[in-house]
Protein backbone atom coordinates (compact mmCIF):
# COMPACT_ATOMS: atom_id res chain seq x y z
CA MET A 1 2.02 -5.12 13.03
CA ARG A 2 4.39 -2.35 12.15
CA ALA A 3 3.54 1.28 12.51
CA LEU A 4 5.81 4.04 11.33
CA VAL A 5 4.63 6.95 13.45
CA GLN A 6 5.49 10.51 12.44
CA ARG A 7 4.71 13.62 14.46
CA VAL A 8 3.29 16.13 11.99
CA LEU A 9 2.12 19.71 11.85
CA ARG A 10 -0.31 18.61 9.14
CA ALA A 11 -0.88 15.69 6.80
CA ARG A 12 -3.31 14.69 4.09
CA VAL A 13 -4.08 11.76 1.82
CA THR A 14 -5.52 12.07 -1.66
CA VAL A 15 -6.90 9.38 -3.96
CA ASP A 16 -7.53 10.22 -7.61
CA GLY A 17 -7.06 13.92 -6.83
CA ALA A 18 -9.64 13.98 -4.01
CA CYS A 19 -8.69 14.50 -0.38
CA VAL A 20 -9.89 11.49 1.65
CA GLY A 21 -8.21 12.28 4.97
CA GLN A 22 -6.59 15.36 6.45
CA ILE A 23 -5.31 16.38 9.89
CA GLY A 24 -3.67 19.30 11.64
CA PRO A 25 -1.09 18.77 14.40
CA GLY A 26 -0.87 15.14 15.46
CA LEU A 27 0.42 11.80 14.24
CA LEU A 28 0.60 10.18 10.82
CA VAL A 29 0.64 6.39 11.16
CA LEU A 30 1.75 4.22 8.25
CA LEU A 31 0.42 0.79 9.23
CA GLY A 32 1.65 -2.57 7.97
CA ILE A 33 -0.10 -5.83 8.86
CA HIS A 34 1.91 -9.04 9.35
CA ARG A 35 0.46 -12.35 8.14
CA SER A 36 0.25 -13.65 11.75
CA ASP A 37 -1.31 -10.52 13.32
CA THR A 38 -4.59 -10.68 15.23
CA ILE A 39 -7.22 -8.28 16.55
CA ARG A 40 -5.43 -8.38 19.89
CA GLU A 41 -2.34 -6.81 18.32
CA ALA A 42 -4.49 -4.13 16.70
CA ALA A 43 -5.92 -3.10 20.08
CA ARG A 44 -2.55 -3.14 21.81
CA LEU A 45 -0.84 -1.13 19.08
CA ALA A 46 -3.64 1.47 19.05
CA ARG A 47 -3.21 2.00 22.81
CA LYS A 48 0.57 2.08 22.50
CA ILE A 49 0.59 4.73 19.77
CA ALA A 50 -1.96 6.91 21.58
CA SER A 51 0.20 6.69 24.73
CA LEU A 52 3.57 7.48 23.11
CA ARG A 53 5.05 10.46 24.91
CA ILE A 54 6.34 12.29 21.84
CA PHE A 55 4.68 15.71 22.14
CA GLU A 56 6.46 18.52 23.94
CA ASP A 57 5.27 19.79 27.30
CA SER A 58 5.52 23.45 28.36
CA GLY A 59 9.20 22.89 29.16
CA GLY A 60 10.00 21.67 25.65
CA LYS A 61 10.50 18.06 26.76
CA MET A 62 8.81 15.21 24.85
CA ASN A 63 6.56 14.20 27.72
CA LEU A 64 2.96 14.27 26.42
CA SER A 65 0.98 11.67 24.51
CA LEU A 66 -1.72 11.96 21.88
CA LEU A 67 -4.25 11.20 24.63
CA GLU A 68 -3.00 14.09 26.77
CA HIS A 69 -2.52 16.46 23.88
CA GLY A 70 -5.91 15.91 22.21
CA ARG A 71 -4.42 15.89 18.74
CA HIS A 72 -5.28 14.23 15.45
CA LEU A 73 -4.39 10.85 13.98
CA LEU A 74 -4.17 9.98 10.28
CA ILE A 75 -3.87 6.23 9.57
CA VAL A 76 -2.67 4.98 6.19
CA SER A 77 -2.32 1.30 5.24
CA GLN A 78 1.20 0.48 4.08
CA PHE A 79 1.91 -3.19 3.28
CA THR A 80 5.37 -2.22 1.99
CA LEU A 81 6.52 -1.86 5.62
CA TYR A 82 6.94 -5.63 5.44
CA GLY A 83 9.18 -5.48 2.39
CA ASP A 84 12.18 -7.75 3.00
CA THR A 85 15.24 -6.45 1.15
CA ARG A 86 17.84 -8.86 2.52
CA LYS A 87 18.05 -10.86 -0.74
CA GLY A 88 18.32 -9.28 -4.15
CA ASN A 89 17.00 -5.91 -5.20
CA ARG A 90 13.27 -6.58 -5.31
CA PRO A 91 11.60 -6.52 -1.90
CA SER A 92 9.70 -9.65 -0.90
CA TYR A 93 6.33 -9.06 0.71
CA SER A 94 5.75 -12.65 1.85
CA GLU A 95 5.47 -11.56 5.51
CA ALA A 96 2.68 -9.07 4.79
CA ALA A 97 -0.87 -10.26 5.44
CA PRO A 98 -3.07 -11.15 2.45
CA ALA A 99 -5.36 -8.28 1.44
CA ASP A 100 -8.59 -9.63 3.00
CA ALA A 101 -7.00 -10.35 6.39
CA ALA A 102 -5.02 -7.10 6.30
CA LYS A 103 -8.13 -5.04 5.56
CA ALA A 104 -10.03 -6.54 8.50
CA LEU A 105 -7.13 -5.87 10.89
CA TYR A 106 -6.56 -2.37 9.49
CA GLU A 107 -10.22 -1.58 10.09
CA SER A 108 -10.00 -3.07 13.58
CA PHE A 109 -6.98 -0.88 14.36
CA VAL A 110 -8.83 2.21 13.10
CA GLU A 111 -11.89 1.38 15.24
CA HIS A 112 -9.74 0.87 18.34
CA CYS A 113 -8.18 4.30 17.72
CA ARG A 114 -11.61 5.89 17.28
CA LEU A 115 -12.67 4.53 20.68
CA LEU A 116 -9.82 6.35 22.43
CA PRO A 117 -10.96 9.58 24.14
CA GLY A 118 -10.14 12.97 22.63
CA ILE A 119 -8.54 11.74 19.41
CA THR A 120 -9.81 12.72 15.97
CA VAL A 121 -9.11 9.92 13.48
CA GLN A 122 -8.86 10.19 9.70
CA THR A 123 -7.78 7.46 7.27
CA GLY A 124 -6.58 6.76 3.79
CA VAL A 125 -8.32 4.22 1.54
CA PHE A 126 -7.22 0.61 1.93
CA GLN A 127 -5.50 -0.78 -1.22
CA ALA A 128 -5.86 2.50 -3.11
CA HIS A 129 -2.99 4.30 -4.78
CA MET A 130 -2.62 7.21 -2.37
CA GLU A 131 -0.64 10.41 -2.33
CA VAL A 132 0.44 11.24 1.21
CA GLU A 133 1.58 14.77 2.02
CA LEU A 134 2.98 15.73 5.38
CA VAL A 135 4.91 18.37 7.22
CA ASN A 136 7.07 16.66 9.84
CA ASP A 137 7.24 18.24 13.27
CA GLY A 138 10.75 17.87 14.65
CA PRO A 139 11.14 15.59 12.75
CA VAL A 140 10.00 12.91 15.15
CA THR A 141 9.61 9.42 13.68
CA VAL A 142 9.14 6.24 15.74
CA LEU A 143 8.77 2.61 14.64
CA CYS A 144 6.34 0.52 16.73
CA GLU A 145 6.10 -3.25 16.21
CA THR A 146 4.11 -6.06 17.75
CA GLU A 147 5.61 -9.27 16.32
CA GLY A 148 8.63 -11.37 17.21
CA THR A 149 11.01 -10.12 19.87
CA THR A 150 9.47 -6.67 19.79
CA ARG A 151 6.08 -7.65 21.22
CA LEU A 152 4.42 -4.78 23.03
CA GLU A 153 3.82 -5.20 26.73
CA GLU A 154 0.24 -5.50 27.98
């Protein structure tokens, strides 16, 4: 799995002109599912993102996590995170999970996040054409991955 995590002051997702998810201060997660990902990776990545120390403490140092800060989380599916641009000009998405498998793992990731204490979770709509609006805070953007040599530690 790949998650592009952005610290935001606010973010929202609209589908066909209707707001389907909206948060105040917290994290926007663009989530890509790899074809070999499992539920185990979904759980590990959810814990990892919630534990990232990317919120400022009273001294202005990035030292607090989403769990400690009690902020919001907006999760948006993003298969294009697995776009391979090494050959030619058209990205290849062969490493992205097929839609059915990706949807099940996306939903698993969302549920694992909802089980974490003190976090409000909103989502986009899987496979919909979405408009994502955000106001970056910092900006702070972090890439978290679970496959290959970047496996998250238990």
